Amino acid sequence: MKWTAVALGSVVILGLSITVNALRSTGKRSWSGVAQWSGPAVQVRIRDIMSTWTTWTGPEALAADSPQPVRSSNDSDAQLKAALQKRLLVPNLADLSLGPPSSAPLPGVTQRTITVNGGDGQKFQVELFTGPSGDKGILAQRFAPFSVSDPWERTDMKLVHLADRPTLGSADAPVLIVEFADFECPYCAKAFNEIETLVNTTYKGKVRLIWKAFPLQGHTWAEQAAIAAECVRQQNPQAFWTMAGDFYRDQNEITPQNLRDHIYGYANPLGIDPKALNACILGTSAETRVDQDKKDGTAVHVMSTPTFLINGVPVVGLPTSNVFDFVIASQLQSHHASR
């Protein structure tokens, strides 16, 4: 069987282009200078992403069973990088790196992550799948193994820290929804009331929600707001949800310059100790937790907000969509069938 047939028949390739935001980091946090981002997005298009890719050409390429000369690992990597430099249009070879080879979900197929750095923290990644010889393969932005017996695309929830996070709903609910959200995201604001209704009314007792911060690049006050909300949660877990609603409601009014006033204006009616709140915001515990949420989101390939994991099944969009009801109902049906 040809390699092309194996790959295309067994791997689901999703997406033909990549859009990656430039990443920039700033120094210490301060109320007057919240971390900011400026700079264009990097857009990379990989042509013919589902076609076969080869490091060599010529009549011998047509003879699949022809013996190939033995090459060292370093020589193979050098040849592979030189070929990928042309395929991915990378002017400086030093900006292209190869991840270590690992076994793909299919027997005899090797998988490697290819990373291209564009300067100023910009980068994009694609996956390369190759056959036993390593000379031919398929480049893919994203792939998902598929099985008829378990067709759901599931996230490895072991990569996500869930303990001691903002939570709504019954602890023993059969469906767990993990939301990655950004206080500066308008779609997250729209989703906020919808997800509360879903947990507290529509599927009351059947669904539990865990909220995780995923402030996006370019949002100038979202990360500071997430840190402040976490500090409030540490004093009063239920007050987190009230403050979250306040942030979402006032998105259009909040700036990095007036964020502090908004935070303390929200916290005072909730009975939050202002001195303890200030110490927490300037400390490291809440910031560390928010940083961990961001790392978790990156680990499970969160690309936009809000992103929901419904019993590990990733769903992007608003909770009122038919997709939400479909996934939740299916998970509840599977739960009841397994009892």
C-alpha atoms as a PDB file:
ATOM      1  CA  MET A   1       0.000   0.000   0.000  1.00  0.00           C
ATOM      2  CA  LYS A   2       1.346   3.412  -0.876  1.00  0.00           C
ATOM      3  CA  TRP A   3       2.267   5.845   1.913  1.00  0.00           C
ATOM      4  CA  THR A   4      -0.079   8.459   0.483  1.00  0.00           C
ATOM      5  CA  ALA A   5      -3.040   6.125   0.786  1.00  0.00           C
ATOM      6  CA  VAL A   6      -2.150   5.181   4.336  1.00  0.00           C
ATOM      7  CA  ALA A   7      -1.870   8.787   5.479  1.00  0.00           C
ATOM      8  CA  LEU A   8      -4.903  10.188   3.747  1.00  0.00           C
ATOM      9  CA  GLY A   9      -7.035   7.195   4.655  1.00  0.00           C
ATOM     10  CA  SER A  10      -6.251   7.243   8.338  1.00  0.00           C
ATOM     11  CA  VAL A  11      -5.399  10.785   9.386  1.00  0.00           C
ATOM     12  CA  VAL A  12      -7.876  13.645   9.387  1.00  0.00           C
ATOM     13  CA  ILE A  13      -6.096  16.786   8.169  1.00  0.00           C
ATOM     14  CA  LEU A  14      -7.739  20.004   9.324  1.00  0.00           C
ATOM     15  CA  GLY A  15      -7.034  23.454   7.917  1.00  0.00           C
ATOM     16  CA  LEU A  16      -4.972  24.740   5.000  1.00  0.00           C
ATOM     17  CA  SER A  17      -3.487  27.858   6.531  1.00  0.00           C
ATOM     18  CA  ILE A  18      -1.993  29.083   9.756  1.00  0.00           C
ATOM     19  CA  THR A  19      -2.452  32.458  11.371  1.00  0.00           C
ATOM     20  CA  VAL A  20      -0.242  33.024  14.365  1.00  0.00           C
ATOM     21  CA  ASN A  21      -0.054  36.192  16.404  1.00  0.00           C
ATOM     22  CA  ALA A  22       3.286  37.738  17.147  1.00  0.00           C
ATOM     23  CA  LEU A  23       4.255  37.220  20.747  1.00  0.00           C
ATOM     24  CA  ARG A  24       5.982  39.831  22.801  1.00  0.00           C
ATOM     25  CA  SER A  25       6.744  39.875  26.457  1.00  0.00           C
ATOM     26  CA  THR A  26       7.189  42.873  28.708  1.00  0.00           C
ATOM     27  CA  GLY A  27       8.766  43.384  32.083  1.00  0.00           C
ATOM     28  CA  LYS A  28       7.195  43.434  35.539  1.00  0.00           C
ATOM     29  CA  ARG A  29       3.516  44.029  36.006  1.00  0.00           C
ATOM     30  CA  SER A  30       2.328  47.453  37.108  1.00  0.00           C
ATOM     31  CA  TRP A  31      -1.000  49.149  37.279  1.00  0.00           C
ATOM     32  CA  SER A  32       0.008  51.854  34.834  1.00  0.00           C
ATOM     33  CA  GLY A  33       1.785  49.612  32.381  1.00  0.00           C
ATOM     34  CA  VAL A  34      -0.126  46.398  31.767  1.00  0.00           C
ATOM     35  CA  ALA A  35       1.591  44.049  29.345  1.00  0.00           C
ATOM     36  CA  GLN A  36       0.847  45.205  25.837  1.00  0.00           C
ATOM     37  CA  TRP A  37       1.311  43.737  22.394  1.00  0.00           C
ATOM     38  CA  SER A  38       1.740  45.479  19.108  1.00  0.00           C
ATOM     39  CA  GLY A  39       2.775  44.175  15.772  1.00  0.00           C
ATOM     40  CA  PRO A  40       1.241  42.481  12.749  1.00  0.00           C
ATOM     41  CA  ALA A  41      -0.073  38.965  12.691  1.00  0.00           C
ATOM     42  CA  VAL A  42       2.033  36.476  10.771  1.00  0.00           C
ATOM     43  CA  GLN A  43       0.146  34.611   8.079  1.00  0.00           C
ATOM     44  CA  VAL A  44       1.644  31.489   6.539  1.00  0.00           C
ATOM     45  CA  ARG A  45      -0.061  29.432   3.868  1.00  0.00           C
ATOM     46  CA  ILE A  46       1.120  25.934   3.069  1.00  0.00           C
ATOM     47  CA  ARG A  47       0.165  25.019  -0.478  1.00  0.00           C
ATOM     48  CA  ASP A  48      -0.961  21.530  -1.374  1.00  0.00           C
ATOM     49  CA  ILE A  49      -0.841  20.555   2.283  1.00  0.00           C
ATOM     50  CA  MET A  50      -2.454  17.161   1.671  1.00  0.00           C
ATOM     51  CA  SER A  51      -0.207  16.153  -1.202  1.00  0.00           C
ATOM     52  CA  THR A  52       2.841  13.959  -0.783  1.00  0.00           C
ATOM     53  CA  TRP A  53       6.090  15.706   0.032  1.00  0.00           C
ATOM     54  CA  THR A  54       9.510  14.391  -0.907  1.00  0.00           C
ATOM     55  CA  THR A  55      13.099  15.330  -0.182  1.00  0.00           C
ATOM     56  CA  TRP A  56      14.344  14.015  -3.489  1.00  0.00           C
ATOM     57  CA  THR A  57      13.266  13.795  -7.121  1.00  0.00           C
ATOM     58  CA  GLY A  58      14.228  11.945 -10.232  1.00  0.00           C
ATOM     59  CA  PRO A  59      13.399   8.626 -11.917  1.00  0.00           C
ATOM     60  CA  GLU A  60      14.537   6.670  -8.860  1.00  0.00           C
ATOM     61  CA  ALA A  61      11.737   8.293  -6.863  1.00  0.00           C
ATOM     62  CA  LEU A  62       9.235   6.226  -8.810  1.00  0.00           C
ATOM     63  CA  ALA A  63      10.775   2.949  -7.715  1.00  0.00           C
ATOM     64  CA  ALA A  64       9.369   2.534  -4.229  1.00  0.00           C
ATOM     65  CA  ASP A  65      11.236  -0.708  -3.650  1.00  0.00           C
ATOM     66  CA  SER A  66      14.624   0.518  -4.847  1.00  0.00           C
ATOM     67  CA  PRO A  67      17.349   0.258  -2.189  1.00  0.00           C
ATOM     68  CA  GLN A  68      18.376   3.605  -0.733  1.00  0.00           C
ATOM     69  CA  PRO A  69      21.867   4.548   0.453  1.00  0.00           C
ATOM     70  CA  VAL A  70      22.408   4.437   4.200  1.00  0.00           C
ATOM     71  CA  ARG A  71      22.553   7.909   5.720  1.00  0.00           C
ATOM     72  CA  SER A  72      23.409   9.076   9.209  1.00  0.00           C
ATOM     73  CA  SER A  73      20.762  10.747  11.360  1.00  0.00           C
ATOM     74  CA  ASN A  74      22.547  14.105  11.098  1.00  0.00           C
ATOM     75  CA  ASP A  75      22.750  13.842   7.308  1.00  0.00           C
ATOM     76  CA  SER A  76      19.054  12.942   7.103  1.00  0.00           C
ATOM     77  CA  ASP A  77      18.052  15.875   9.297  1.00  0.00           C
ATOM     78  CA  ALA A  78      20.213  18.268   7.294  1.00  0.00           C
ATOM     79  CA  GLN A  79      18.643  17.092   4.033  1.00  0.00           C
ATOM     80  CA  LEU A  80      15.174  17.266   5.556  1.00  0.00           C
ATOM     81  CA  LYS A  81      15.721  20.814   6.823  1.00  0.00           C
ATOM     82  CA  ALA A  82      17.043  21.925   3.441  1.00  0.00           C
ATOM     83  CA  ALA A  83      13.937  20.550   1.741  1.00  0.00           C
ATOM     84  CA  LEU A  84      11.552  22.053   4.305  1.00  0.00           C
ATOM     85  CA  GLN A  85      13.280  25.419   3.965  1.00  0.00           C
ATOM     86  CA  LYS A  86      12.139  25.500   0.349  1.00  0.00           C
ATOM     87  CA  ARG A  87       8.703  24.048   0.981  1.00  0.00           C
ATOM     88  CA  LEU A  88       7.891  26.446   3.838  1.00  0.00           C
ATOM     89  CA  LEU A  89       9.710  29.424   2.258  1.00  0.00           C
ATOM     90  CA  VAL A  90      12.090  30.085   5.151  1.00  0.00           C
ATOM     91  CA  PRO A  91      14.893  32.470   4.051  1.00  0.00           C
ATOM     92  CA  ASN A  92      17.190  31.695   7.007  1.00  0.00           C
ATOM     93  CA  LEU A  93      17.720  27.996   7.680  1.00  0.00           C
ATOM     94  CA  ALA A  94      18.621  28.768  11.302  1.00  0.00           C
ATOM     95  CA  ASP A  95      14.986  29.816  11.870  1.00  0.00           C
ATOM     96  CA  LEU A  96      13.759  26.295  11.114  1.00  0.00           C
ATOM     97  CA  SER A  97      14.013  23.538  13.720  1.00  0.00           C
ATOM     98  CA  LEU A  98      12.995  19.881  13.823  1.00  0.00           C
ATOM     99  CA  GLY A  99      11.388  18.317  16.858  1.00  0.00           C
ATOM    100  CA  PRO A 100      12.412  14.801  17.873  1.00  0.00           C
ATOM    101  CA  PRO A 101      10.772  11.969  15.919  1.00  0.00           C
ATOM    102  CA  SER A 102       8.039  10.021  17.668  1.00  0.00           C
ATOM    103  CA  SER A 103       5.628   7.261  16.735  1.00  0.00           C
ATOM    104  CA  ALA A 104       2.421   8.491  15.080  1.00  0.00           C
ATOM    105  CA  PRO A 105      -0.958   6.858  15.783  1.00  0.00           C
ATOM    106  CA  LEU A 106      -0.435   4.587  12.747  1.00  0.00           C
ATOM    107  CA  PRO A 107       2.053   1.696  12.629  1.00  0.00           C
ATOM    108  CA  GLY A 108       5.205   2.504  10.684  1.00  0.00           C
ATOM    109  CA  VAL A 109       4.517   6.245  10.594  1.00  0.00           C
ATOM    110  CA  THR A 110       6.798   8.762  12.284  1.00  0.00           C
ATOM    111  CA  GLN A 111       5.683  12.210  13.428  1.00  0.00           C
ATOM    112  CA  ARG A 112       7.797  15.339  13.974  1.00  0.00           C
ATOM    113  CA  THR A 113       6.933  18.927  14.875  1.00  0.00           C
ATOM    114  CA  ILE A 114       8.462  21.527  12.567  1.00  0.00           C
ATOM    115  CA  THR A 115       8.924  24.999  14.090  1.00  0.00           C
ATOM    116  CA  VAL A 116       9.705  28.188  12.164  1.00  0.00           C
ATOM    117  CA  ASN A 117      10.776  31.272  14.120  1.00  0.00           C
ATOM    118  CA  GLY A 118      10.149  34.638  12.504  1.00  0.00           C
ATOM    119  CA  GLY A 119      11.772  36.977  15.005  1.00  0.00           C
ATOM    120  CA  ASP A 120      10.248  39.051  17.820  1.00  0.00           C
ATOM    121  CA  GLY A 121       8.725  35.905  19.301  1.00  0.00           C
ATOM    122  CA  GLN A 122       6.776  35.031  16.158  1.00  0.00           C
ATOM    123  CA  LYS A 123       6.593  31.366  15.272  1.00  0.00           C
ATOM    124  CA  PHE A 124       4.407  28.739  13.661  1.00  0.00           C
ATOM    125  CA  GLN A 125       4.392  24.964  13.790  1.00  0.00           C
ATOM    126  CA  VAL A 126       3.297  22.164  11.506  1.00  0.00           C
ATOM    127  CA  GLU A 127       3.410  18.395  11.849  1.00  0.00           C
ATOM    128  CA  LEU A 128       5.350  16.202   9.447  1.00  0.00           C
ATOM    129  CA  PHE A 129       4.339  12.547   9.010  1.00  0.00           C
ATOM    130  CA  THR A 130       6.783  10.286   7.198  1.00  0.00           C
ATOM    131  CA  GLY A 131       6.975   6.646   6.176  1.00  0.00           C
ATOM    132  CA  PRO A 132       9.772   4.214   7.106  1.00  0.00           C
ATOM    133  CA  SER A 133      12.291   5.720   4.670  1.00  0.00           C
ATOM    134  CA  GLY A 134      11.668   9.281   5.845  1.00  0.00           C
ATOM    135  CA  ASP A 135      11.929  10.587   2.276  1.00  0.00           C
ATOM    136  CA  LYS A 136       8.228  11.184   1.710  1.00  0.00           C
ATOM    137  CA  GLY A 137       5.498  12.463   3.932  1.00  0.00           C
ATOM    138  CA  ILE A 138       2.602  14.781   4.592  1.00  0.00           C
ATOM    139  CA  LEU A 139       2.655  18.230   6.200  1.00  0.00           C
ATOM    140  CA  ALA A 140      -0.358  19.138   8.302  1.00  0.00           C
ATOM    141  CA  GLN A 141      -1.329  22.047  10.491  1.00  0.00           C
ATOM    142  CA  ARG A 142      -3.526  19.880  12.658  1.00  0.00           C
ATOM    143  CA  PHE A 143      -4.558  16.248  12.637  1.00  0.00           C
ATOM    144  CA  ALA A 144      -6.881  14.040  14.613  1.00  0.00           C
ATOM    145  CA  PRO A 145      -6.865  10.234  14.839  1.00  0.00           C
ATOM    146  CA  PHE A 146     -10.282   8.747  14.107  1.00  0.00           C
ATOM    147  CA  SER A 147     -11.957   5.558  15.237  1.00  0.00           C
ATOM    148  CA  VAL A 148     -15.523   4.454  14.518  1.00  0.00           C
ATOM    149  CA  SER A 149     -15.724   2.851  17.958  1.00  0.00           C
ATOM    150  CA  ASP A 150     -14.906   6.163  19.688  1.00  0.00           C
ATOM    151  CA  PRO A 151     -15.491   8.948  17.154  1.00  0.00           C
ATOM    152  CA  TRP A 152     -15.239  11.917  19.536  1.00  0.00           C
ATOM    153  CA  GLU A 153     -12.169  14.096  19.283  1.00  0.00           C
ATOM    154  CA  ARG A 154     -11.038  14.234  22.901  1.00  0.00           C
ATOM    155  CA  THR A 155      -8.472  16.369  24.648  1.00  0.00           C
ATOM    156  CA  ASP A 156      -6.077  14.675  27.035  1.00  0.00           C
ATOM    157  CA  MET A 157      -7.458  16.129  30.262  1.00  0.00           C
ATOM    158  CA  LYS A 158      -4.340  15.035  32.135  1.00  0.00           C
ATOM    159  CA  LEU A 159      -2.712  18.100  30.586  1.00  0.00           C
ATOM    160  CA  VAL A 160      -5.193  20.443  32.278  1.00  0.00           C
ATOM    161  CA  HIS A 161      -4.954  21.523  35.924  1.00  0.00           C
ATOM    162  CA  LEU A 162      -8.479  21.509  37.364  1.00  0.00           C
ATOM    163  CA  ALA A 163      -8.005  21.583  41.132  1.00  0.00           C
ATOM    164  CA  ASP A 164      -8.764  24.783  43.053  1.00  0.00           C
ATOM    165  CA  ARG A 165     -10.277  26.728  40.142  1.00  0.00           C
ATOM    166  CA  PRO A 166     -13.512  28.760  39.781  1.00  0.00           C
ATOM    167  CA  THR A 167     -16.345  26.211  39.714  1.00  0.00           C
ATOM    168  CA  LEU A 168     -20.110  26.151  39.171  1.00  0.00           C
ATOM    169  CA  GLY A 169     -22.451  23.185  39.485  1.00  0.00           C
ATOM    170  CA  SER A 170     -22.504  19.902  41.308  1.00  0.00           C
ATOM    171  CA  ALA A 171     -19.157  18.270  42.009  1.00  0.00           C
ATOM    172  CA  ASP A 172     -20.537  14.842  41.012  1.00  0.00           C
ATOM    173  CA  ALA A 173     -22.209  15.970  37.778  1.00  0.00           C
ATOM    174  CA  PRO A 174     -21.633  13.453  34.948  1.00  0.00           C
ATOM    175  CA  VAL A 175     -20.633  16.166  32.446  1.00  0.00           C
ATOM    176  CA  LEU A 176     -17.623  18.405  33.123  1.00  0.00           C
ATOM    177  CA  ILE A 177     -17.210  21.564  31.057  1.00  0.00           C
ATOM    178  CA  VAL A 178     -13.861  23.355  31.181  1.00  0.00           C
ATOM    179  CA  GLU A 179     -13.976  26.871  29.754  1.00  0.00           C
ATOM    180  CA  PHE A 180     -10.927  28.836  28.599  1.00  0.00           C
ATOM    181  CA  ALA A 181     -11.945  32.495  28.578  1.00  0.00           C
ATOM    182  CA  ASP A 182     -10.658  36.067  28.402  1.00  0.00           C
ATOM    183  CA  PHE A 183     -12.303  38.949  30.291  1.00  0.00           C
ATOM    184  CA  GLU A 184     -11.606  41.284  27.362  1.00  0.00           C
ATOM    185  CA  CYS A 185     -13.193  38.942  24.793  1.00  0.00           C
ATOM    186  CA  PRO A 186     -16.674  40.081  23.632  1.00  0.00           C
ATOM    187  CA  TYR A 187     -17.741  36.536  22.761  1.00  0.00           C
ATOM    188  CA  CYS A 188     -16.760  35.402  26.265  1.00  0.00           C
ATOM    189  CA  ALA A 189     -18.981  38.157  27.650  1.00  0.00           C
ATOM    190  CA  LYS A 190     -21.875  36.905  25.560  1.00  0.00           C
ATOM    191  CA  ALA A 191     -21.184  33.318  26.620  1.00  0.00           C
ATOM    192  CA  PHE A 192     -21.010  34.163  30.329  1.00  0.00           C
ATOM    193  CA  ASN A 193     -24.738  34.427  31.052  1.00  0.00           C
ATOM    194  CA  GLU A 194     -25.464  31.565  28.687  1.00  0.00           C
ATOM    195  CA  ILE A 195     -23.092  29.150  30.413  1.00  0.00           C
ATOM    196  CA  GLU A 196     -24.432  30.153  33.839  1.00  0.00           C
ATOM    197  CA  THR A 197     -27.976  29.406  32.652  1.00  0.00           C
ATOM    198  CA  LEU A 198     -26.862  26.106  31.176  1.00  0.00           C
ATOM    199  CA  VAL A 199     -25.222  24.993  34.448  1.00  0.00           C
ATOM    200  CA  ASN A 200     -27.732  26.416  36.924  1.00  0.00           C
ATOM    201  CA  THR A 201     -30.985  25.839  35.021  1.00  0.00           C
ATOM    202  CA  THR A 202     -30.966  23.911  31.739  1.00  0.00           C
ATOM    203  CA  TYR A 203     -28.769  21.028  32.920  1.00  0.00           C
ATOM    204  CA  LYS A 204     -28.886  21.655  36.660  1.00  0.00           C
ATOM    205  CA  GLY A 205     -27.227  18.817  38.568  1.00  0.00           C
ATOM    206  CA  LYS A 206     -25.951  17.263  35.346  1.00  0.00           C
ATOM    207  CA  VAL A 207     -23.202  19.699  34.369  1.00  0.00           C
ATOM    208  CA  ARG A 208     -20.253  21.175  36.227  1.00  0.00           C
ATOM    209  CA  LEU A 209     -18.222  24.148  34.941  1.00  0.00           C
ATOM    210  CA  ILE A 210     -14.569  24.942  35.654  1.00  0.00           C
ATOM    211  CA  TRP A 211     -13.308  28.332  34.422  1.00  0.00           C
ATOM    212  CA  LYS A 212      -9.703  28.861  33.313  1.00  0.00           C
ATOM    213  CA  ALA A 213      -8.032  32.112  32.284  1.00  0.00           C
ATOM    214  CA  PHE A 214      -6.680  32.374  28.763  1.00  0.00           C
ATOM    215  CA  PRO A 215      -5.925  36.080  28.133  1.00  0.00           C
ATOM    216  CA  LEU A 216      -5.157  36.615  24.469  1.00  0.00           C
ATOM    217  CA  GLN A 217      -2.203  38.479  23.026  1.00  0.00           C
ATOM    218  CA  GLY A 218      -3.158  42.049  22.216  1.00  0.00           C
ATOM    219  CA  HIS A 219      -5.710  42.326  25.018  1.00  0.00           C
ATOM    220  CA  THR A 220      -4.090  44.925  27.224  1.00  0.00           C
ATOM    221  CA  TRP A 221      -5.850  44.397  30.572  1.00  0.00           C
ATOM    222  CA  ALA A 222      -7.275  40.864  30.422  1.00  0.00           C
ATOM    223  CA  GLU A 223      -4.394  39.169  32.236  1.00  0.00           C
ATOM    224  CA  GLN A 224      -4.354  41.706  35.076  1.00  0.00           C
ATOM    225  CA  ALA A 225      -8.113  41.289  35.420  1.00  0.00           C
ATOM    226  CA  ALA A 226      -7.735  37.499  35.582  1.00  0.00           C
ATOM    227  CA  ILE A 227      -5.139  37.858  38.353  1.00  0.00           C
ATOM    228  CA  ALA A 228      -7.416  40.188  40.326  1.00  0.00           C
ATOM    229  CA  ALA A 229     -10.397  37.856  39.901  1.00  0.00           C
ATOM    230  CA  GLU A 230      -8.304  34.944  41.132  1.00  0.00           C
ATOM    231  CA  CYS A 231      -7.320  36.963  44.196  1.00  0.00           C
ATOM    232  CA  VAL A 232     -10.994  37.645  44.886  1.00  0.00           C
ATOM    233  CA  ARG A 233     -11.772  33.931  44.479  1.00  0.00           C
ATOM    234  CA  GLN A 234      -9.135  33.070  47.052  1.00  0.00           C
ATOM    235  CA  GLN A 235     -11.034  35.193  49.579  1.00  0.00           C
ATOM    236  CA  ASN A 236     -14.555  34.242  48.465  1.00  0.00           C
ATOM    237  CA  PRO A 237     -15.039  31.604  45.715  1.00  0.00           C
ATOM    238  CA  GLN A 238     -18.589  32.705  44.900  1.00  0.00           C
ATOM    239  CA  ALA A 239     -17.521  36.348  44.570  1.00  0.00           C
ATOM    240  CA  PHE A 240     -15.369  35.368  41.581  1.00  0.00           C
ATOM    241  CA  TRP A 241     -18.452  34.913  39.426  1.00  0.00           C
ATOM    242  CA  THR A 242     -19.853  38.304  40.420  1.00  0.00           C
ATOM    243  CA  MET A 243     -16.584  40.033  39.551  1.00  0.00           C
ATOM    244  CA  ALA A 244     -16.356  38.105  36.277  1.00  0.00           C
ATOM    245  CA  GLY A 245     -19.792  39.401  35.327  1.00  0.00           C
ATOM    246  CA  ASP A 246     -18.697  42.931  36.198  1.00  0.00           C
ATOM    247  CA  PHE A 247     -15.622  42.701  33.961  1.00  0.00           C
ATOM    248  CA  TYR A 248     -17.665  41.347  31.073  1.00  0.00           C
ATOM    249  CA  ARG A 249     -20.381  43.981  31.515  1.00  0.00           C
ATOM    250  CA  ASP A 250     -17.927  46.896  31.526  1.00  0.00           C
ATOM    251  CA  GLN A 251     -15.536  45.689  28.810  1.00  0.00           C
ATOM    252  CA  ASN A 252     -15.967  48.806  26.701  1.00  0.00           C
ATOM    253  CA  GLU A 253     -15.210  51.131  29.617  1.00  0.00           C
ATOM    254  CA  ILE A 254     -12.145  49.423  31.081  1.00  0.00           C
ATOM    255  CA  THR A 255      -8.625  50.503  30.118  1.00  0.00           C
ATOM    256  CA  PRO A 256      -5.203  49.622  31.543  1.00  0.00           C
ATOM    257  CA  GLN A 257      -5.211  53.022  33.201  1.00  0.00           C
ATOM    258  CA  ASN A 258      -8.551  52.689  35.030  1.00  0.00           C
ATOM    259  CA  LEU A 259      -8.477  48.939  35.655  1.00  0.00           C
ATOM    260  CA  ARG A 260      -7.391  49.364  39.276  1.00  0.00           C
ATOM    261  CA  ASP A 261     -10.389  51.583  40.021  1.00  0.00           C
ATOM    262  CA  HIS A 262     -12.743  49.046  38.454  1.00  0.00           C
ATOM    263  CA  ILE A 263     -11.231  46.168  40.447  1.00  0.00           C
ATOM    264  CA  TYR A 264     -11.614  47.831  43.820  1.00  0.00           C
ATOM    265  CA  GLY A 265     -15.002  49.222  42.839  1.00  0.00           C
ATOM    266  CA  TYR A 266     -16.172  45.673  42.134  1.00  0.00           C
ATOM    267  CA  ALA A 267     -14.488  44.149  45.203  1.00  0.00           C
ATOM    268  CA  ASN A 268     -15.725  46.534  47.914  1.00  0.00           C
ATOM    269  CA  PRO A 269     -19.449  45.602  47.727  1.00  0.00           C
ATOM    270  CA  LEU A 270     -18.433  41.935  47.875  1.00  0.00           C
ATOM    271  CA  GLY A 271     -16.818  42.351  51.282  1.00  0.00           C
ATOM    272  CA  ILE A 272     -13.339  41.643  49.974  1.00  0.00           C
ATOM    273  CA  ASP A 273     -10.484  42.788  52.239  1.00  0.00           C
ATOM    274  CA  PRO A 274      -8.765  45.491  50.135  1.00  0.00           C
ATOM    275  CA  LYS A 275      -5.360  45.121  51.811  1.00  0.00           C
ATOM    276  CA  ALA A 276      -5.320  41.354  51.292  1.00  0.00           C
ATOM    277  CA  LEU A 277      -6.511  41.863  47.715  1.00  0.00           C
ATOM    278  CA  ASN A 278      -3.723  44.335  46.996  1.00  0.00           C
ATOM    279  CA  ALA A 279      -1.098  42.046  48.521  1.00  0.00           C
ATOM    280  CA  CYS A 280      -2.367  39.129  46.418  1.00  0.00           C
ATOM    281  CA  ILE A 281      -2.353  41.152  43.188  1.00  0.00           C
ATOM    282  CA  LEU A 282       1.232  42.271  43.820  1.00  0.00           C
ATOM    283  CA  GLY A 283       2.270  38.786  44.914  1.00  0.00           C
ATOM    284  CA  THR A 284       2.906  35.667  42.869  1.00  0.00           C
ATOM    285  CA  SER A 285       0.303  33.044  43.833  1.00  0.00           C
ATOM    286  CA  ALA A 286      -2.534  34.327  41.630  1.00  0.00           C
ATOM    287  CA  GLU A 287      -0.193  35.201  38.776  1.00  0.00           C
ATOM    288  CA  THR A 288       1.281  31.696  38.894  1.00  0.00           C
ATOM    289  CA  ARG A 289      -2.179  30.164  38.680  1.00  0.00           C
ATOM    290  CA  VAL A 290      -3.123  32.326  35.688  1.00  0.00           C
ATOM    291  CA  ASP A 291       0.179  31.457  33.993  1.00  0.00           C
ATOM    292  CA  GLN A 292      -0.579  27.766  34.532  1.00  0.00           C
ATOM    293  CA  ASP A 293      -4.007  28.205  32.937  1.00  0.00           C
ATOM    294  CA  LYS A 294      -2.365  29.804  29.908  1.00  0.00           C
ATOM    295  CA  LYS A 295       0.114  26.927  29.643  1.00  0.00           C
ATOM    296  CA  ASP A 296      -2.735  24.428  29.934  1.00  0.00           C
ATOM    297  CA  GLY A 297      -4.618  26.152  27.119  1.00  0.00           C
ATOM    298  CA  THR A 298      -1.555  26.068  24.900  1.00  0.00           C
ATOM    299  CA  ALA A 299      -0.966  22.401  25.737  1.00  0.00           C
ATOM    300  CA  VAL A 300      -4.471  21.456  24.552  1.00  0.00           C
ATOM    301  CA  HIS A 301      -4.278  23.699  21.466  1.00  0.00           C
ATOM    302  CA  VAL A 302      -6.681  26.468  22.509  1.00  0.00           C
ATOM    303  CA  MET A 303      -6.533  29.027  19.703  1.00  0.00           C
ATOM    304  CA  SER A 304      -9.438  31.337  20.526  1.00  0.00           C
ATOM    305  CA  THR A 305     -11.858  32.213  23.299  1.00  0.00           C
ATOM    306  CA  PRO A 306     -14.208  31.018  24.483  1.00  0.00           C
ATOM    307  CA  THR A 307     -13.129  27.410  24.039  1.00  0.00           C
ATOM    308  CA  PHE A 308     -14.971  24.690  25.950  1.00  0.00           C
ATOM    309  CA  LEU A 309     -13.960  21.109  26.702  1.00  0.00           C
ATOM    310  CA  ILE A 310     -17.122  19.062  27.304  1.00  0.00           C
ATOM    311  CA  ASN A 311     -15.951  15.833  28.922  1.00  0.00           C
ATOM    312  CA  GLY A 312     -12.789  16.455  26.941  1.00  0.00           C
ATOM    313  CA  VAL A 313     -14.556  17.149  23.618  1.00  0.00           C
ATOM    314  CA  PRO A 314     -13.412  20.573  22.335  1.00  0.00           C
ATOM    315  CA  VAL A 315     -16.216  22.933  21.306  1.00  0.00           C
ATOM    316  CA  VAL A 316     -15.577  26.494  20.118  1.00  0.00           C
ATOM    317  CA  GLY A 317     -18.508  28.887  20.122  1.00  0.00           C
ATOM    318  CA  LEU A 318     -21.451  30.002  22.218  1.00  0.00           C
ATOM    319  CA  PRO A 319     -23.283  27.704  24.658  1.00  0.00           C
ATOM    320  CA  THR A 320     -26.635  28.404  22.977  1.00  0.00           C
ATOM    321  CA  SER A 321     -25.512  26.676  19.785  1.00  0.00           C
ATOM    322  CA  ASN A 322     -27.039  23.366  18.728  1.00  0.00           C
ATOM    323  CA  VAL A 323     -23.567  21.854  18.938  1.00  0.00           C
ATOM    324  CA  PHE A 324     -23.482  22.404  22.696  1.00  0.00           C
ATOM    325  CA  ASP A 325     -26.794  20.651  23.240  1.00  0.00           C
ATOM    326  CA  PHE A 326     -25.770  17.823  20.916  1.00  0.00           C
ATOM    327  CA  VAL A 327     -22.483  17.141  22.715  1.00  0.00           C
ATOM    328  CA  ILE A 328     -23.938  17.437  26.230  1.00  0.00           C
ATOM    329  CA  ALA A 329     -26.943  15.247  25.406  1.00  0.00           C
ATOM    330  CA  SER A 330     -24.658  12.653  23.824  1.00  0.00           C
ATOM    331  CA  GLN A 331     -22.369  12.623  26.856  1.00  0.00           C
ATOM    332  CA  LEU A 332     -25.343  12.242  29.205  1.00  0.00           C
ATOM    333  CA  GLN A 333     -26.704   9.405  27.069  1.00  0.00           C
ATOM    334  CA  SER A 334     -23.343   7.615  27.191  1.00  0.00           C
ATOM    335  CA  HIS A 335     -23.224   8.106  30.954  1.00  0.00           C
ATOM    336  CA  HIS A 336     -26.671   6.589  31.460  1.00  0.00           C
ATOM    337  CA  ALA A 337     -25.904   3.684  29.102  1.00  0.00           C
ATOM    338  CA  SER A 338     -22.773   2.820  31.069  1.00  0.00           C
ATOM    339  CA  ARG A 339     -24.602   2.587  34.422  1.00  0.00           C
END
